[in-house]
């Protein structure tokens, strides 16, 4: 549709010219002859560019208005090209900044496109093009480009771009033989911040921490968010002493000043793990893994600490052994080479079995047998304990089904105590096997309970709601026994064997076990003493009022569950 243009001193409407159309859409056209550098314009350059046409009469005059920070310009796109005109001209397209008010004025962004002609030769002679202002589009593209490299919350690099920077630093460090470092900086108690103040406040703390750490970096260093509450920092030209000094600066800049949030002020701290490059890490994978490993070591000693990676002979071999054991566990589960052994818990007075504890065993391909104590700690660290606990539950249910008079206890690890899938599996098994629930006791450790007492209380209530009993294993190991017993509706406590095995020779252990026995009796709970090795120990335990014993004196694990018990553990 034609755009009507009213002519001066006339009432008629004429069809617009090309020049009218250019002006109406904010564009100007030009013709440039390179031999004499003359630049001719079509359109109102002053309204479009903010510069009168007579000030843009030559290419040199036009170039004086270009932003000195431009990466490219029209001359680069036309004169510096390697293209040749074969008869139809050569197209060009470039974007750059202009400063109509001089070097100190604001920059406007223009799109410059057209064709140049060789005028009989193959090299540029007569560029013809159009200019349009693209400030809005340039800002939109700039924001998109920024987001593709940066984390929106912290304003630092995102993980992908930070790792690209890390690869470049590693390559340069190896090529130039210069030291560098990579650090992982983690906000302490981030989950607690989320739970206490809300995710928005925790995010504010992370953003402030990132800003403070960034202020401590030198030119050429980089920082980015590598996930959750963790930042990664890349330090160039950084040896071991500089690494430790930089880490202390980061710790101090966060710790020494509170963080102001929407919910008030919060005292924040960070823990840091770092690795020297390329001495202790030759690849991105090694750098990130070893910095994370050092971070875990720092947190193992408390919050607000820094630990640098130190090579330890044999550590790689240990990792390979762990990996091999992990593979063996998965393979054993698939091949159903997991089984149970059953250790009796006997009445201290009658020495008759009351129930048996189910102990997981792994049968090796070579016929060997591996006790749970050899692989359960590692399985917990590798995240395999839930699978093993599920298998142990299945085997325990089958054993109780095959021995209708027997009673059995089965252990669960901390991860399982927080796993709704295990409870669902237990509920389904009991529903399909009536009469088993009141013969099954589920054992949780005291350290499991005190790690999250409310979660443990929900787990205990759910298990008891299904008709089973619950025992607190390793009682005394957590040192918060009174609080634990008061909040958990358990049926039985098993006193940690560490305090029992040397009972006759240790007055301290005697005092501690007697105190635990009195505490349990006040809550009307039955008690089991573990690791009982001799009659002398049994006699002392009897004087304390202990109900049941387990260990060498009462018998080791047996491969089959006897179909009879002397009484109830309840």
Protein backbone atom coordinates (compact mmCIF):
# COMPACT_ATOMS: atom_id res chain seq x y z
CA UNK A 1 0.00 0.00 0.00
CA UNK A 2 1.40 3.42 -0.99
CA UNK A 3 2.21 5.91 1.78
CA UNK A 4 0.47 9.26 1.07
CA UNK A 5 2.73 12.33 1.16
CA UNK A 6 1.21 15.79 1.19
CA UNK A 7 3.18 18.19 -1.01
CA UNK A 8 3.85 21.75 0.19
CA UNK A 9 1.23 24.37 -0.92
CA UNK A 10 -0.94 21.73 -2.50
CA UNK A 11 -4.06 19.82 -1.59
CA UNK A 12 -3.29 16.74 -3.63
CA UNK A 13 -1.54 13.59 -2.36
CA UNK A 14 1.36 12.23 -4.39
CA UNK A 15 3.01 8.82 -4.40
CA UNK A 16 6.12 8.86 -2.12
CA UNK A 17 9.57 8.82 -3.59
CA UNK A 18 12.29 6.37 -2.59
CA UNK A 19 13.80 9.16 -0.51
CA UNK A 20 10.47 9.67 1.28
CA UNK A 21 10.30 5.97 2.09
CA UNK A 22 13.85 5.93 3.46
CA UNK A 23 13.11 8.86 5.74
CA UNK A 24 9.83 7.31 6.93
CA UNK A 25 11.57 4.12 8.16
CA UNK A 26 14.60 5.86 9.65
CA UNK A 27 17.16 4.98 6.98
CA UNK A 28 19.58 6.87 4.75
CA UNK A 29 21.33 5.75 1.57
CA UNK A 30 24.79 6.62 0.35
CA UNK A 31 27.19 6.32 -2.57
CA UNK A 32 30.90 6.31 -1.94
CA UNK A 33 33.67 6.60 -4.52
CA UNK A 34 36.94 5.36 -3.16
CA UNK A 35 39.21 7.12 -5.64
CA UNK A 36 38.31 10.61 -4.41
CA UNK A 37 36.76 9.49 -1.06
CA UNK A 38 33.55 11.42 -1.84
CA UNK A 39 30.51 10.30 0.11
CA UNK A 40 27.04 11.35 -1.16
CA UNK A 41 23.86 10.86 0.86
CA UNK A 42 20.18 10.34 0.08
CA UNK A 43 17.94 11.07 3.06
CA UNK A 44 18.03 13.20 6.18
CA UNK A 45 21.25 12.17 7.93
CA UNK A 46 20.71 14.70 10.69
CA UNK A 47 17.34 13.25 11.78
CA UNK A 48 18.47 9.63 11.37
CA UNK A 49 22.11 9.77 12.55
CA UNK A 50 22.23 13.09 14.36
CA UNK A 51 24.91 14.39 11.95
CA UNK A 52 24.37 16.88 9.10
CA UNK A 53 25.23 15.59 5.63
CA UNK A 54 27.81 18.29 4.99
CA UNK A 55 29.84 16.92 7.91
CA UNK A 56 29.85 13.48 6.27
CA UNK A 57 31.07 14.50 2.81
CA UNK A 58 34.01 12.07 2.74
CA UNK A 59 34.77 8.61 3.99
CA UNK A 60 37.49 10.04 6.21
CA UNK A 61 35.04 12.53 7.75
CA UNK A 62 32.52 9.72 8.36
CA UNK A 63 35.20 7.53 9.97
CA UNK A 64 35.91 10.28 12.51
CA UNK A 65 32.46 9.68 14.04
CA UNK A 66 32.94 5.94 14.44
CA UNK A 67 33.36 4.53 17.95
CA UNK A 68 37.07 3.80 18.52
CA UNK A 69 36.09 0.61 20.33
CA UNK A 70 34.49 -0.87 17.20
CA UNK A 71 35.64 -4.35 16.31
CA UNK A 72 34.80 -3.76 12.63
CA UNK A 73 33.75 -0.92 10.35
CA UNK A 74 32.50 -0.24 6.82
CA UNK A 75 36.07 0.10 5.55
CA UNK A 76 36.89 -3.33 7.00
CA UNK A 77 33.85 -4.83 5.29
CA UNK A 78 34.61 -3.23 1.90
CA UNK A 79 38.26 -2.30 1.48
CA UNK A 80 39.84 -5.05 3.57
CA UNK A 81 37.82 -7.84 1.97
CA UNK A 82 39.42 -10.63 -0.05
CA UNK A 83 36.36 -10.89 -2.31
CA UNK A 84 36.49 -9.91 -5.99
CA UNK A 85 33.81 -8.35 -8.22
CA UNK A 86 33.12 -10.75 -11.10
CA UNK A 87 30.64 -8.39 -12.72
CA UNK A 88 27.62 -8.22 -10.42
CA UNK A 89 29.16 -6.50 -7.43
CA UNK A 90 29.87 -7.91 -3.97
CA UNK A 91 27.46 -7.64 -1.03
CA UNK A 92 28.60 -6.47 2.39
CA UNK A 93 26.97 -6.22 5.81
CA UNK A 94 28.43 -4.84 9.03
CA UNK A 95 27.27 -3.40 12.37
CA UNK A 96 29.21 -0.81 14.37
CA UNK A 97 28.87 2.16 16.67
CA UNK A 98 28.80 5.89 15.83
CA UNK A 99 29.32 8.81 18.18
CA UNK A 100 27.47 11.80 16.69
CA UNK A 101 28.56 14.09 19.53
CA UNK A 102 32.19 13.12 19.47
CA UNK A 103 34.38 10.73 21.45
CA UNK A 104 32.79 11.65 24.79
CA UNK A 105 29.20 11.35 23.59
CA UNK A 106 26.83 8.37 23.62
CA UNK A 107 27.12 5.64 21.01
CA UNK A 108 24.38 4.79 18.53
CA UNK A 109 24.47 1.46 16.74
CA UNK A 110 23.95 1.23 12.99
CA UNK A 111 23.51 -1.55 10.48
CA UNK A 112 25.41 -0.81 7.24
CA UNK A 113 24.67 -3.02 4.21
CA UNK A 114 24.77 -2.86 0.42
CA UNK A 115 27.04 -3.83 -2.51
CA UNK A 116 30.32 -2.56 -3.84
CA UNK A 117 31.35 -2.56 -7.48
CA UNK A 118 34.76 -2.82 -9.04
CA UNK A 119 34.13 -0.27 -11.81
CA UNK A 120 35.82 -2.44 -14.41
CA UNK A 121 38.28 -4.08 -12.01
CA UNK A 122 37.87 -6.74 -9.34
CA UNK A 123 38.79 -4.54 -6.37
CA UNK A 124 36.31 -2.19 -4.59
CA UNK A 125 35.70 1.17 -6.23
CA UNK A 126 32.05 2.24 -5.64
CA UNK A 127 30.22 1.04 -2.52
CA UNK A 128 26.46 1.74 -2.48
CA UNK A 129 24.57 1.08 0.72
CA UNK A 130 21.94 1.85 3.32
CA UNK A 131 22.35 2.82 6.98
CA UNK A 132 19.74 2.24 9.67
CA UNK A 133 19.90 2.79 13.43
CA UNK A 134 19.49 -0.46 15.39
CA UNK A 135 19.90 0.61 19.01
CA UNK A 136 16.96 -1.48 20.27
CA UNK A 137 18.00 -4.58 18.35
CA UNK A 138 21.62 -4.20 19.36
CA UNK A 139 20.64 -3.96 23.03
CA UNK A 140 18.41 -7.03 22.69
CA UNK A 141 21.20 -8.97 21.00
CA UNK A 142 23.65 -7.78 23.65
CA UNK A 143 21.37 -9.04 26.41
CA UNK A 144 20.94 -12.39 24.68
CA UNK A 145 24.69 -12.71 24.20
CA UNK A 146 25.27 -11.76 27.84
CA UNK A 147 22.81 -14.39 29.03
CA UNK A 148 24.45 -17.04 26.88
CA UNK A 149 27.70 -16.52 28.82
CA UNK A 150 26.52 -15.37 32.23
CA UNK A 151 24.51 -16.66 35.18
CA UNK A 152 21.47 -14.44 35.63
CA UNK A 153 21.44 -14.57 39.45
CA UNK A 154 25.10 -13.82 40.21
CA UNK A 155 26.13 -11.90 37.09
CA UNK A 156 29.20 -14.14 36.81
CA UNK A 157 29.99 -16.56 33.99
CA UNK A 158 27.74 -19.58 33.65
CA UNK A 159 29.15 -23.08 34.03
CA UNK A 160 29.61 -23.73 30.31
CA UNK A 161 31.55 -20.54 29.65
CA UNK A 162 33.60 -20.84 32.84
CA UNK A 163 34.74 -24.32 31.82
CA UNK A 164 35.65 -22.97 28.38
CA UNK A 165 37.80 -20.36 30.13
CA UNK A 166 39.29 -23.08 32.32
CA UNK A 167 40.26 -25.09 29.25
CA UNK A 168 41.98 -22.05 27.76
CA UNK A 169 43.87 -21.36 30.99
CA UNK A 170 44.95 -25.01 31.23
CA UNK A 171 46.19 -24.98 27.64
CA UNK A 172 48.17 -21.78 28.19
CA UNK A 173 49.58 -22.99 31.50
CA UNK A 174 50.88 -26.18 29.91
CA UNK A 175 52.17 -24.42 26.80
CA UNK A 176 53.84 -21.51 28.59
CA UNK A 177 54.73 -23.47 31.75
CA UNK A 178 53.10 -20.89 33.99
CA UNK A 179 51.15 -21.72 37.18
CA UNK A 180 47.40 -21.24 37.53
CA UNK A 181 44.71 -22.41 39.94
CA UNK A 182 41.06 -23.39 40.07
CA UNK A 183 38.95 -22.96 43.20
CA UNK A 184 35.44 -24.05 44.15
CA UNK A 185 33.80 -21.61 46.58
CA UNK A 186 30.64 -22.87 48.31
CA UNK A 187 28.25 -20.91 50.54
CA UNK A 188 28.02 -22.70 53.88
CA UNK A 189 24.67 -23.87 55.29
CA UNK A 190 22.90 -23.04 52.03
CA UNK A 191 20.17 -25.61 52.61
CA UNK A 192 19.57 -24.16 56.07
CA UNK A 193 19.30 -20.68 54.55
CA UNK A 194 16.71 -21.99 52.10
CA UNK A 195 14.71 -23.71 54.83
CA UNK A 196 14.92 -20.84 57.32
CA UNK A 197 14.56 -17.74 55.16
CA UNK A 198 13.30 -19.01 51.81
CA UNK A 199 14.90 -19.53 48.42
CA UNK A 200 14.78 -15.84 47.50
CA UNK A 201 16.86 -14.82 50.52
CA UNK A 202 19.35 -17.65 50.00
CA UNK A 203 19.74 -16.48 46.40
CA UNK A 204 20.41 -12.95 47.63
CA UNK A 205 23.18 -14.28 49.87
CA UNK A 206 24.72 -16.19 46.96
CA UNK A 207 24.57 -13.09 44.73
CA UNK A 208 26.30 -10.95 47.37
CA UNK A 209 28.97 -13.60 47.95
CA UNK A 210 29.66 -13.77 44.20
CA UNK A 211 29.96 -9.98 44.02
CA UNK A 212 32.37 -9.84 46.97
CA UNK A 213 34.59 -12.63 45.67
CA UNK A 214 34.64 -11.02 42.23
CA UNK A 215 36.00 -7.80 43.74
CA UNK A 216 38.99 -9.77 45.03
CA UNK A 217 40.00 -11.06 41.60
CA UNK A 218 42.82 -9.59 39.53
CA UNK A 219 42.64 -8.61 35.90
CA UNK A 220 42.55 -11.74 33.76
CA UNK A 221 41.01 -13.93 36.50
CA UNK A 222 37.53 -15.38 35.99
CA UNK A 223 34.60 -16.37 38.17
CA UNK A 224 31.40 -18.23 37.40
CA UNK A 225 28.59 -20.18 38.97
CA UNK A 226 29.12 -23.91 38.58
CA UNK A 227 25.87 -24.99 40.18
CA UNK A 228 23.66 -24.56 43.25
CA UNK A 229 25.56 -22.71 45.96
CA UNK A 230 28.97 -23.09 44.31
CA UNK A 231 31.18 -20.65 42.42
CA UNK A 232 34.29 -21.47 40.44
CA UNK A 233 37.26 -19.09 40.31
CA UNK A 234 40.13 -19.31 37.80
CA UNK A 235 43.36 -17.60 38.84
CA UNK A 236 46.11 -16.93 36.31
CA UNK A 237 49.81 -16.74 37.24
CA UNK A 238 49.05 -18.27 40.64
CA UNK A 239 51.48 -20.56 42.49
CA UNK A 240 50.77 -22.45 45.72
CA UNK A 241 51.45 -19.52 48.06
CA UNK A 242 49.37 -17.14 45.95
CA UNK A 243 46.56 -19.72 45.88
CA UNK A 244 46.45 -19.91 49.68
CA UNK A 245 46.62 -16.11 49.97
CA UNK A 246 43.79 -15.63 47.46
CA UNK A 247 41.61 -18.19 49.25
CA UNK A 248 42.07 -16.36 52.55
CA UNK A 249 41.03 -13.10 50.86
CA UNK A 250 37.86 -14.79 49.61
CA UNK A 251 37.09 -16.23 53.06
CA UNK A 252 37.61 -12.86 54.73
CA UNK A 253 35.61 -10.75 52.27
CA UNK A 254 32.55 -12.93 52.93
CA UNK A 255 33.00 -13.59 56.65
CA UNK A 256 33.98 -10.11 57.83
CA UNK A 257 30.78 -8.32 56.82
CA UNK A 258 27.14 -9.37 57.19
CA UNK A 259 24.84 -9.71 54.18
CA UNK A 260 21.79 -7.46 54.08
CA UNK A 261 18.72 -9.23 52.66
CA UNK A 262 14.98 -8.62 52.46
CA UNK A 263 14.64 -10.55 55.74
CA UNK A 264 17.36 -8.66 57.57
CA UNK A 265 21.08 -9.18 58.02
CA UNK A 266 22.64 -12.64 57.76
CA UNK A 267 26.14 -13.74 58.72
CA UNK A 268 27.48 -15.79 55.80
CA UNK A 269 30.61 -17.83 55.28
CA UNK A 270 32.13 -19.93 52.53
CA UNK A 271 34.28 -23.03 52.31
CA UNK A 272 36.87 -23.37 49.55
CA UNK A 273 38.72 -26.17 47.81
CA UNK A 274 41.48 -25.42 45.31
CA UNK A 275 43.87 -27.17 42.97
CA UNK A 276 47.12 -25.99 41.35
CA UNK A 277 47.22 -26.12 37.54
CA UNK A 278 48.66 -27.86 35.65
CA UNK A 279 50.74 -29.51 38.38
CA UNK A 280 47.85 -31.40 39.99
CA UNK A 281 45.31 -31.35 37.15
CA UNK A 282 45.89 -31.76 33.42
CA UNK A 283 42.26 -31.71 32.26
CA UNK A 284 39.02 -29.90 33.09
CA UNK A 285 37.66 -33.08 34.63
CA UNK A 286 40.65 -33.47 36.92
CA UNK A 287 40.59 -29.79 37.89
CA UNK A 288 36.91 -29.74 38.86
CA UNK A 289 36.98 -33.15 40.58
CA UNK A 290 40.08 -32.34 42.65
CA UNK A 291 38.83 -28.89 43.62
CA UNK A 292 35.54 -30.49 44.74
CA UNK A 293 37.46 -33.15 46.64
CA UNK A 294 39.43 -30.44 48.43
CA UNK A 295 36.19 -28.59 49.21
CA UNK A 296 34.80 -31.75 50.83
CA UNK A 297 38.00 -32.03 52.89
CA UNK A 298 37.63 -28.39 53.99
CA UNK A 299 34.05 -28.96 55.10
CA UNK A 300 35.02 -32.11 56.97
CA UNK A 301 36.94 -29.84 59.36
CA UNK A 302 34.12 -27.33 59.76
CA UNK A 303 32.81 -24.34 57.85
CA UNK A 304 34.75 -21.29 56.68
CA UNK A 305 37.93 -23.17 55.75
CA UNK A 306 40.21 -23.66 52.76
CA UNK A 307 42.00 -26.84 51.71
CA UNK A 308 44.34 -27.15 48.72
CA UNK A 309 44.58 -30.40 46.81
CA UNK A 310 47.63 -32.45 47.73
CA UNK A 311 48.65 -35.47 45.72
CA UNK A 312 48.66 -38.59 47.88
CA UNK A 313 50.33 -41.74 46.55
CA UNK A 314 47.89 -44.61 46.51
CA UNK A 315 44.78 -42.43 46.30
CA UNK A 316 44.22 -43.23 42.64
CA UNK A 317 44.67 -46.91 43.39
CA UNK A 318 42.10 -46.63 46.18
CA UNK A 319 39.67 -44.95 43.80
CA UNK A 320 40.17 -47.74 41.29
CA UNK A 321 39.50 -50.27 44.02
CA UNK A 322 36.35 -48.37 45.03
CA UNK A 323 35.21 -48.31 41.42
CA UNK A 324 35.82 -52.04 41.12
CA UNK A 325 33.84 -52.71 44.31
CA UNK A 326 30.98 -50.52 43.06
CA UNK A 327 30.87 -52.52 39.85
CA UNK A 328 30.96 -55.75 41.85
CA UNK A 329 28.03 -54.64 44.02
CA UNK A 330 25.89 -53.77 41.01
CA UNK A 331 26.82 -57.04 39.35
CA UNK A 332 26.03 -59.00 42.53
CA UNK A 333 22.60 -57.39 42.72
CA UNK A 334 21.88 -58.25 39.10
CA UNK A 335 23.08 -61.83 39.57
CA UNK A 336 21.29 -62.17 42.94
CA UNK A 337 24.51 -62.99 44.78
CA UNK A 338 23.35 -61.13 47.87
CA UNK A 339 22.11 -63.25 50.78
CA UNK A 340 21.46 -62.95 54.50
CA UNK A 341 23.20 -64.40 57.53
CA UNK A 342 21.32 -64.43 60.84
CA UNK A 343 22.88 -63.60 64.21
CA UNK A 344 20.87 -64.46 67.33
CA UNK A 345 19.89 -61.93 69.97
CA UNK A 346 19.35 -63.92 73.16
CA UNK A 347 17.63 -63.32 76.48
CA UNK A 348 20.40 -62.53 78.97
CA UNK A 349 18.71 -64.54 81.71
CA UNK A 350 17.62 -67.66 79.78
CA UNK A 351 20.16 -67.47 76.92
CA UNK A 352 17.36 -68.41 74.54
CA UNK A 353 17.05 -66.63 71.15
CA UNK A 354 14.48 -63.85 71.10
CA UNK A 355 15.03 -62.78 67.49
CA UNK A 356 17.80 -62.71 64.87
CA UNK A 357 19.46 -59.80 63.14
CA UNK A 358 19.62 -60.07 59.33
CA UNK A 359 23.15 -59.34 58.12
CA UNK A 360 23.78 -58.85 54.41
CA UNK A 361 26.46 -60.95 52.71
CA UNK A 362 27.93 -60.80 49.23
CA UNK A 363 28.95 -64.06 47.58
CA UNK A 364 31.91 -63.42 45.29
CA UNK A 365 32.23 -65.07 41.87
CA UNK A 366 35.19 -67.02 43.28
CA UNK A 367 33.12 -68.50 46.10
CA UNK A 368 34.32 -66.05 48.76
CA UNK A 369 31.93 -64.34 51.17
CA UNK A 370 32.14 -60.63 51.98
CA UNK A 371 30.48 -59.24 55.12
CA UNK A 372 28.40 -56.06 54.95
CA UNK A 373 30.89 -54.17 57.11
CA UNK A 374 33.35 -54.37 54.20
CA UNK A 375 31.11 -52.76 51.59
CA UNK A 376 28.24 -50.86 53.25
CA UNK A 377 30.25 -47.71 54.18
CA UNK A 378 31.45 -47.39 50.60
CA UNK A 379 28.00 -48.17 49.23
CA UNK A 380 26.62 -45.24 51.25
CA UNK A 381 29.22 -42.87 49.81
CA UNK A 382 28.53 -44.12 46.28
CA UNK A 383 24.75 -43.84 46.66
CA UNK A 384 24.19 -47.61 46.40
CA UNK A 385 22.93 -48.23 49.94
CA UNK A 386 19.26 -47.87 48.98
CA UNK A 387 19.56 -50.66 46.44
CA UNK A 388 21.25 -52.91 49.00
CA UNK A 389 18.63 -52.11 51.64
CA UNK A 390 15.87 -52.96 49.19
CA UNK A 391 17.50 -56.31 48.49
CA UNK A 392 17.97 -56.98 52.21
CA UNK A 393 14.28 -56.23 52.82
CA UNK A 394 13.18 -58.62 50.06
CA UNK A 395 15.39 -61.36 51.49
CA UNK A 396 14.15 -60.73 55.04
CA UNK A 397 10.49 -60.93 54.00
CA UNK A 398 11.21 -64.21 52.18
CA UNK A 399 13.00 -65.61 55.25
CA UNK A 400 10.09 -64.73 57.53
CA UNK A 401 7.65 -66.26 55.08
CA UNK A 402 9.63 -69.51 55.10
CA UNK A 403 9.97 -69.56 58.91
CA UNK A 404 6.50 -68.69 60.29
CA UNK A 405 7.58 -68.72 63.97
CA UNK A 406 10.79 -66.72 63.57
CA UNK A 407 11.42 -63.06 64.41
CA UNK A 408 13.89 -60.92 62.52
CA UNK A 409 15.42 -57.46 62.50
CA UNK A 410 16.70 -55.72 59.38
CA UNK A 411 18.94 -52.66 59.15
CA UNK A 412 18.37 -49.54 57.07
CA UNK A 413 20.96 -46.89 56.20
CA UNK A 414 20.40 -43.12 56.58
CA UNK A 415 19.52 -42.69 52.89
CA UNK A 416 16.87 -45.39 53.14
CA UNK A 417 15.34 -43.82 56.24
CA UNK A 418 14.63 -40.78 54.08
CA UNK A 419 13.43 -42.78 51.07
CA UNK A 420 9.63 -43.08 50.56
CA UNK A 421 10.25 -45.85 48.00
CA UNK A 422 11.57 -48.20 50.71
CA UNK A 423 8.51 -47.62 52.89
CA UNK A 424 6.28 -48.26 49.89
CA UNK A 425 8.16 -51.50 49.23
CA UNK A 426 7.74 -52.55 52.88
CA UNK A 427 4.03 -51.73 52.85
CA UNK A 428 3.48 -53.75 49.68
CA UNK A 429 5.43 -56.74 51.06
CA UNK A 430 3.45 -56.78 54.31
CA UNK A 431 0.16 -56.46 52.46
CA UNK A 432 0.98 -59.54 50.39
CA UNK A 433 2.35 -61.46 53.41
CA UNK A 434 -0.05 -61.12 56.33
CA UNK A 435 1.30 -62.19 59.71
CA UNK A 436 4.83 -60.97 59.08
CA UNK A 437 4.62 -57.38 60.31
CA UNK A 438 4.59 -58.22 64.04
CA UNK A 439 7.64 -60.47 63.56
CA UNK A 440 9.77 -57.80 61.83
CA UNK A 441 11.88 -55.15 63.55
CA UNK A 442 13.48 -52.31 61.57
CA UNK A 443 16.79 -51.00 62.94
CA UNK A 444 17.92 -47.41 62.43
CA UNK A 445 21.17 -46.01 63.86
CA UNK A 446 21.21 -43.21 66.38
CA UNK A 447 23.39 -41.14 64.04
CA UNK A 448 20.64 -41.52 61.42
CA UNK A 449 18.10 -40.22 63.90
CA UNK A 450 20.04 -37.19 65.07
CA UNK A 451 20.99 -36.16 61.53
CA UNK A 452 17.35 -35.18 60.98
CA UNK A 453 15.27 -36.03 64.03
CA UNK A 454 11.97 -34.89 62.55
CA UNK A 455 12.49 -36.97 59.43
CA UNK A 456 13.51 -39.98 61.57
CA UNK A 457 10.38 -39.54 63.69
CA UNK A 458 8.21 -39.64 60.56
CA UNK A 459 10.01 -42.79 59.40
CA UNK A 460 9.56 -44.51 62.76
CA UNK A 461 5.86 -43.59 62.87
CA UNK A 462 5.35 -44.93 59.34
CA UNK A 463 7.08 -48.25 60.13
CA UNK A 464 5.12 -48.70 63.36
CA UNK A 465 1.95 -47.78 61.53
CA UNK A 466 2.52 -50.83 59.34
CA UNK A 467 2.65 -53.05 62.43
CA UNK A 468 6.44 -53.50 62.75
CA UNK A 469 8.70 -52.65 65.67
CA UNK A 470 11.62 -50.21 65.52
CA UNK A 471 15.01 -50.56 67.20
CA UNK A 472 17.59 -47.81 67.72
CA UNK A 473 20.98 -49.28 66.80
CA UNK A 474 24.39 -48.03 68.03
CA UNK A 475 22.69 -46.37 70.99
CA UNK A 476 25.13 -43.94 72.64
CA UNK A 477 27.17 -43.24 69.52
CA UNK A 478 25.34 -39.97 68.88
CA UNK A 479 25.74 -38.49 72.36
CA UNK A 480 22.22 -37.03 72.25
CA UNK A 481 20.41 -40.04 73.60
CA UNK A 482 17.87 -38.39 75.90
CA UNK A 483 16.55 -36.06 73.20
CA UNK A 484 16.48 -38.92 70.72
CA UNK A 485 14.53 -41.26 73.01
CA UNK A 486 12.08 -38.55 73.96
CA UNK A 487 11.11 -37.77 70.36
CA UNK A 488 11.18 -41.25 68.83
CA UNK A 489 8.56 -43.85 69.70
CA UNK A 490 10.93 -46.78 69.42
CA UNK A 491 10.57 -50.21 71.02
CA UNK A 492 14.15 -51.33 71.59
CA UNK A 493 17.64 -49.86 71.95
CA UNK A 494 20.89 -51.63 71.02
CA UNK A 495 23.85 -50.27 72.98
CA UNK A 496 26.84 -49.57 70.76
CA UNK A 497 29.34 -52.45 70.99
CA UNK A 498 32.28 -50.03 71.23
CA UNK A 499 31.26 -49.46 74.86
CA UNK A 500 30.66 -53.16 75.57
CA UNK A 501 33.56 -55.15 74.20
CA UNK A 502 36.07 -53.93 76.84
CA UNK A 503 33.52 -53.42 79.59
CA UNK A 504 35.30 -55.39 82.36
CA UNK A 505 38.54 -53.41 81.91
CA UNK A 506 37.03 -49.93 81.42
CA UNK A 507 35.41 -48.04 84.33
CA UNK A 508 34.46 -45.27 81.89
CA UNK A 509 32.58 -47.71 79.67
CA UNK A 510 30.91 -49.23 82.73
CA UNK A 511 29.62 -45.83 83.81
CA UNK A 512 28.45 -45.00 80.32
CA UNK A 513 26.64 -48.32 79.69
CA UNK A 514 24.99 -48.23 83.13
CA UNK A 515 23.76 -44.68 82.38
CA UNK A 516 22.38 -45.76 79.00
CA UNK A 517 20.64 -48.75 80.58
CA UNK A 518 19.02 -46.52 83.22
CA UNK A 519 17.96 -44.06 80.53
CA UNK A 520 16.32 -46.78 78.45
CA UNK A 521 14.59 -48.28 81.50
CA UNK A 522 13.10 -44.87 82.35
CA UNK A 523 11.48 -44.92 78.91
CA UNK A 524 10.31 -48.54 79.40
CA UNK A 525 12.45 -49.77 76.52
CA UNK A 526 14.02 -53.19 76.13
CA UNK A 527 17.82 -53.15 75.76
CA UNK A 528 20.33 -55.17 73.73
CA UNK A 529 24.07 -55.07 74.40
CA UNK A 530 26.16 -55.73 71.28
CA UNK A 531 29.62 -57.36 70.97
CA UNK A 532 29.34 -59.39 74.16
CA UNK A 533 32.36 -61.70 74.18
CA UNK A 534 32.48 -63.43 77.59
CA UNK A 535 30.60 -64.31 80.75
CA UNK A 536 32.33 -61.60 82.77
CA UNK A 537 30.84 -58.95 80.47
CA UNK A 538 27.45 -60.69 80.59
CA UNK A 539 27.44 -60.64 84.38
CA UNK A 540 28.13 -56.89 84.48
CA UNK A 541 25.37 -56.27 81.94
CA UNK A 542 22.96 -58.38 83.97
CA UNK A 543 23.68 -56.22 87.03
CA UNK A 544 22.70 -53.16 84.95
CA UNK A 545 19.37 -54.72 84.01
CA UNK A 546 20.19 -55.31 80.31
CA UNK A 547 17.55 -57.55 78.72
CA UNK A 548 19.29 -59.13 75.71
CA UNK A 549 22.81 -59.71 74.44
CA UNK A 550 24.35 -60.21 71.00
CA UNK A 551 27.85 -61.24 69.99
CA UNK A 552 30.46 -63.95 70.28
CA UNK A 553 29.12 -65.31 73.58
CA UNK A 554 25.62 -65.91 72.24
CA UNK A 555 26.65 -67.11 68.80
CA UNK A 556 27.80 -65.79 65.44
CA UNK A 557 25.81 -65.43 62.22
CA UNK A 558 24.24 -68.60 60.77
CA UNK A 559 23.21 -69.16 57.14
CA UNK A 560 19.59 -70.10 57.83
CA UNK A 561 16.91 -68.56 60.03
CA UNK A 562 15.64 -71.04 62.68
CA UNK A 563 11.87 -71.46 62.67
CA UNK A 564 11.46 -70.81 66.37
CA UNK A 565 12.11 -68.14 68.97
CA UNK A 566 11.85 -68.09 72.73
CA UNK A 567 9.93 -64.87 73.07
CA UNK A 568 9.23 -61.37 71.84
CA UNK A 569 11.59 -58.45 71.61
CA UNK A 570 8.80 -56.07 72.45
